[in-house]
Protein backbone atom coordinates (compact mmCIF):
# COMPACT_ATOMS: atom_id res chain seq x y z
CA MET A 1 112.94 90.12 73.76
CA THR A 2 114.80 92.19 71.21
CA THR A 3 113.44 94.66 69.10
CA THR A 4 114.76 93.73 65.15
CA ALA A 5 116.36 96.55 62.95
CA PRO A 6 113.24 96.51 60.74
CA THR A 7 110.69 97.23 63.75
CA ARG A 8 113.14 100.20 65.15
CA ASN A 9 113.28 101.76 61.58
CA ARG A 10 109.43 101.55 61.35
CA ARG A 11 108.72 102.96 64.98
CA ASN A 12 111.45 105.87 63.47
CA ARG A 13 109.46 106.47 60.64
CA ARG A 14 106.53 106.61 62.52
CA GLY A 15 107.89 109.14 64.89
CA GLU A 16 109.37 111.30 61.84
CA ILE A 17 105.92 111.29 60.24
CA LEU A 18 103.78 112.44 63.45
CA GLU A 19 106.66 115.45 63.89
CA ALA A 20 106.59 116.56 60.51
CA ALA A 21 102.67 116.13 60.38
CA ALA A 22 102.34 118.05 64.10
CA ARG A 23 104.59 120.95 62.77
CA LEU A 24 102.34 121.01 58.63
CA PHE A 25 99.05 120.87 61.08
CA ALA A 26 100.76 123.60 63.77
CA ALA A 27 101.22 125.69 60.74
CA ARG A 28 98.52 125.16 58.15
CA GLY A 29 95.99 123.45 60.30
CA PHE A 30 94.07 119.68 60.28
CA HIS A 31 92.02 120.74 57.33
CA GLY A 32 94.80 122.82 55.30
CA VAL A 33 97.29 119.64 55.31
CA SER A 34 97.02 116.75 52.67
CA ILE A 35 98.49 113.36 53.09
CA GLU A 36 100.99 114.19 50.20
CA ASP A 37 102.17 117.33 52.00
CA ILE A 38 102.97 115.23 54.87
CA GLY A 39 104.87 112.06 52.51
CA GLY A 40 106.65 115.38 51.17
CA ALA A 41 108.24 116.80 54.36
CA VAL A 42 109.08 112.86 55.09
CA GLY A 43 110.62 112.17 51.71
CA VAL A 44 108.04 109.55 51.13
CA SER A 45 105.08 109.48 48.70
CA GLY A 46 101.62 110.21 50.58
CA PRO A 47 100.24 106.59 49.54
CA ALA A 48 103.79 105.30 51.48
CA LEU A 49 102.15 106.81 54.68
CA TYR A 50 98.96 104.02 54.83
CA ARG A 51 101.83 101.26 55.37
CA HIS A 52 102.25 103.53 58.97
CA PHE A 53 98.95 105.04 59.47
CA SER A 54 95.28 104.38 57.76
CA GLY A 55 94.55 108.40 57.42
CA LYS A 56 94.84 111.78 58.72
CA ASP A 57 92.41 110.94 61.31
CA ALA A 58 94.70 108.13 62.57
CA LEU A 59 97.88 110.38 62.24
CA LEU A 60 96.53 113.09 64.40
CA SER A 61 94.85 110.59 66.85
CA GLU A 62 97.89 108.89 67.74
CA MET A 63 99.63 112.11 67.78
CA LEU A 64 97.69 113.55 70.45
CA LEU A 65 97.06 109.84 72.28
CA ASP A 66 100.97 109.51 72.42
CA VAL A 67 101.28 113.06 74.02
CA SER A 68 98.95 112.85 76.82
CA SER A 69 100.20 109.50 77.54
CA ARG A 70 104.00 110.44 77.55
CA LEU A 71 103.11 113.63 79.80
CA ARG A 72 101.20 111.10 82.51
CA GLU A 73 103.81 108.91 82.70
CA SER A 74 106.64 111.41 83.20
CA ALA A 75 104.07 113.02 85.81
CA VAL A 76 104.17 109.57 87.21
CA ALA A 77 107.87 109.21 87.01
CA ALA A 78 108.07 112.37 89.09
CA VAL A 79 106.02 111.63 91.82
CA THR A 80 107.43 107.89 92.44
CA SER A 81 111.47 109.13 92.20
CA SER A 82 110.70 112.55 94.21
CA ARG A 83 111.63 112.30 98.26
CA ASP A 84 109.07 115.26 99.11
CA PRO A 85 106.15 117.50 97.87
CA GLN A 86 108.35 120.58 97.56
CA GLU A 87 110.90 118.55 94.92
CA THR A 88 107.46 116.51 93.05
CA LEU A 89 106.11 119.88 92.41
CA ASP A 90 109.51 121.26 90.80
CA ALA A 91 110.02 118.08 88.94
CA LEU A 92 106.60 118.28 87.19
CA LEU A 93 107.40 121.62 86.44
CA LYS A 94 110.17 120.58 84.55
CA VAL A 95 107.96 117.89 82.94
CA GLN A 96 105.56 120.67 81.39
CA ILE A 97 108.17 123.17 80.88
CA THR A 98 110.43 120.91 78.60
CA PHE A 99 107.41 119.84 76.80
CA ALA A 100 106.04 123.59 76.25
CA ILE A 101 109.73 124.57 75.08
CA GLU A 102 110.42 121.48 72.79
CA GLN A 103 107.02 120.82 71.48
CA PRO A 104 105.27 123.81 70.47
CA ALA A 105 104.11 122.67 67.61
CA LEU A 106 101.71 119.85 69.67
CA ILE A 107 100.55 122.41 71.94
CA THR A 108 99.14 124.70 69.06
CA VAL A 109 97.64 121.16 67.30
CA HIS A 110 95.78 120.00 70.51
CA ASP A 111 94.46 123.59 71.28
CA ARG A 112 93.17 123.72 67.70
CA GLU A 113 92.33 120.23 66.56
CA LEU A 114 91.34 118.01 69.16
CA GLY A 115 87.76 118.61 67.93
CA ASN A 116 89.18 116.50 64.72
CA VAL A 117 89.84 113.38 66.07
CA PRO A 118 87.28 110.25 66.98
CA GLU A 119 85.30 110.15 69.24
CA PRO A 120 86.66 107.27 70.97
CA GLU A 121 90.05 108.19 70.89
CA ARG A 122 88.84 111.88 72.02
CA ARG A 123 87.71 110.41 75.14
CA GLN A 124 91.05 108.72 75.68
CA ILE A 125 93.14 111.91 75.20
CA ARG A 126 90.59 113.97 77.85
CA ARG A 127 90.75 110.84 80.39
CA LEU A 128 94.69 110.98 80.01
CA GLN A 129 94.55 114.82 80.94
CA ARG A 130 92.22 114.13 83.61
CA LEU A 131 94.62 111.79 85.14
CA TYR A 132 97.92 114.08 84.26
CA VAL A 133 95.98 116.70 86.17
CA GLU A 134 95.37 115.10 89.33
CA GLU A 135 98.93 114.00 89.95
CA TRP A 136 99.66 117.90 90.04
CA VAL A 137 96.32 118.59 91.92
CA THR A 138 97.35 115.89 94.42
CA VAL A 139 101.09 116.87 95.25
CA LEU A 140 99.15 120.69 95.59
CA ALA A 141 97.07 119.51 98.62
CA GLU A 142 100.17 117.80 99.97
CA LEU A 143 101.60 121.59 100.20
CA HIS A 144 98.61 123.29 100.58
CA PRO A 145 95.99 120.93 102.44
CA SER A 146 93.54 123.35 103.32
CA CYS A 147 93.32 124.90 99.62
CA PRO A 148 89.85 123.29 98.44
CA ALA A 149 90.53 120.85 95.18
CA ALA A 150 89.26 122.82 92.80
CA ARG A 151 90.99 126.14 93.42
CA LEU A 152 93.99 123.34 93.18
CA ARG A 153 92.57 122.23 90.10
CA ALA A 154 91.68 125.52 88.24
CA ALA A 155 95.33 126.77 89.74
CA THR A 156 97.20 123.63 87.75
CA HIS A 157 94.96 124.68 84.57
CA ALA A 158 95.73 128.43 85.18
CA VAL A 159 99.86 127.31 85.06
CA PHE A 160 99.28 124.67 81.94
CA GLY A 161 97.68 128.24 80.08
CA LEU A 162 100.85 129.98 80.91
CA LEU A 163 103.49 127.30 80.33
CA ASN A 164 101.66 126.83 77.17
CA SER A 165 102.19 129.89 75.64
CA THR A 166 105.21 128.63 74.36
CA PRO A 167 103.63 128.69 70.47
CA HIS A 168 103.55 132.23 70.81
CA SER A 169 106.82 133.00 73.28
CA ALA A 170 109.37 130.91 71.74
CA GLY A 171 112.02 132.51 69.82
CA GLU A 172 112.08 135.45 71.82
CA LEU A 173 114.68 133.73 74.45
CA PRO A 174 117.05 130.74 74.08
CA ALA A 175 115.69 127.80 75.79
CA GLN A 176 118.14 127.73 78.52
CA ASP A 177 116.86 131.47 79.64
CA MET A 178 113.28 130.20 78.78
CA ARG A 179 113.16 127.65 81.75
CA PRO A 180 113.82 129.64 84.45
CA LEU A 181 111.96 132.15 83.61
CA LEU A 182 108.61 129.78 82.77
CA HIS A 183 109.67 127.71 86.29
CA ALA A 184 110.05 131.08 88.07
CA MET A 185 106.56 132.54 86.50
CA ALA A 186 104.75 129.38 87.21
CA ARG A 187 105.89 129.03 90.64
CA ALA A 188 104.92 132.62 91.44
CA ALA A 189 101.18 131.60 89.67
CA ILE A 190 100.93 128.75 92.07
CA GLY A 191 101.64 130.98 95.16
CA ALA A 192 99.14 133.38 94.20
CA SER A 193 96.52 130.82 93.87
CA VAL A 194 96.79 129.37 97.32
CA ASN A 195 97.68 132.46 99.15
CA GLY A 196 95.72 132.31 102.39
CA TYR A 197 95.21 128.54 102.63
């Protein structure tokens, strides 16, 4: 089945709206941004956004559901396409580092605004995130089978904290220098966390 041009345009417009909203929410907070502000950022009237989203809550929900789903799907693809656990870990690091460098606004929005997502969608987001974490834990367990799962899970969250620091560190170094730095730091952090297991 082929996608029609109006459907593609609608998806593109939704993507533009989500990106603009992420930047605005990151800069001014969810409650500091109006529908009119988001519309102005993409060149449409505020009320025109209601053709795409039922309101700000729905926009925030879709934004965080979308990124959580994309990260999970990328992790599954990395796991299924890699030949061994070391390669898989490098692929997972690449997924997270790419996200951290290219989407710092989404990191900020998630950290600050998840509590503003309605409860049913918040549960879905949390579920997707748990599944994403478990992809990492499974790979780390293959590499370090004697290490307790709880420690591997804690290490995974710590590595995310390190990598997701880009809203504070982005801009100091160009992306081509930041990627290997983050990779080396994450590898070192994982190594330190499993030392002795």
